[in-house]
Amino acid sequence: MAVVLTPLPLSFQRSLYLCPCRTSFQSPSNIPRRFITFAVVKRSPKRLKYSSPRFTKEDGLLYVEVDPWGADSWKLDPIVELLKQGAVGVIPTDTVYAIACDLRNNSAIERLRRIKDIEPSKPLSILCHSFKDIDKYTTGFPRGNGQGLTNIFRAVKHCLPGPYTFILTASKELPKQCIRYGTTASKYASRKNVGVRIPDDPVCQAILEKMEAPLISTSVKSPKENEWMLDPVVIADVYGPEGLDFVVAAGTRVADPSTVVDMTGSLPRIIRQGKGPKQPWMVAEEEEEEDSDVKEDHVVPRVA
């Protein structure tokens, strides 16, 4: 049976290969969805000095096209193996694409920061498969409720999986590399908080389930324009030469990031409104400002 491969529309492409993994075609109708494409890209010389070797064939970028609904999750097996070895790549989420690596691999986290050229003060988020992961790497969500107050844990369970990032206090289990930054003793500071996500995306969930561990991640943005990058082909074109190991392509995303909610204060406070709708138990920044204005109106000025 002849297998026809459609060339990738990548400006940096040199050649195409069938990925050396299991391929079983049962009927001609299955052919368009049952192959993996492999594109070889040239690395940026300025990055070669500072980044560890790639984990993909011929120093190239592994570009894997998958069904957005996860019907061909078997294609993710080589991606998971690369992640376990310390690879850094792009995966889909229920919002925008994310650059991710193994939470437990310190060198991979350093490579992630170099590839995206992230400032030392930029926090990273954790992609979790379940609440079990959240409870392991953070102190978790508040349990129970006082009289007349919302049961936060129960309320959050209605939001996850979903397009939310919740900022929680990190536990001792979270690797220090995830909450520390800086290269010298004077700059080596520590963060006590970390953002956690349980994405409602079949492909992302399949990767996390196969990994049996969370991933550390950051959203993909254009290096210069600071805009969301939504097309996996463009992402591979831009970040491939910078040292990216793979891209899992699951269609074009929409420029709608997750809603970020800070859970470390007295009230759950929205610090970025995104795709996730505001819940009744969440407080928006403008609501806090209104409360502050009301309090100021009732302050009696001091008389000299």
Foldseek 3Di string as FASTA:
>chain_A
DDADDDDDPFPFFDDWDWPPDDFDDPDPVCRVAGTFIWGAGAADPVQVVPADQFPDPPSGAGEGEHAQQCPPLVSCVVVLVRLVVQAWAWDQFQAAIKIKHAQPDLRSLVLSCQLLVPDQVDAWAKAALDVVQVVQFFVHADADDDVPADGVVVVVVVCPQHQEKEKGFTDPRRDQSRFWGDDDPVRTDGDRIHIYHHTPTNNSSSSNVVNVHMIIIDFDADSPPRAHDFAQSVVCNRSRNNRHHYYYGHDGGDRWHGFYWYRPDPATETPGDTDRDDDPRYHYPVNVVVVVVVVVVPDDDDDD
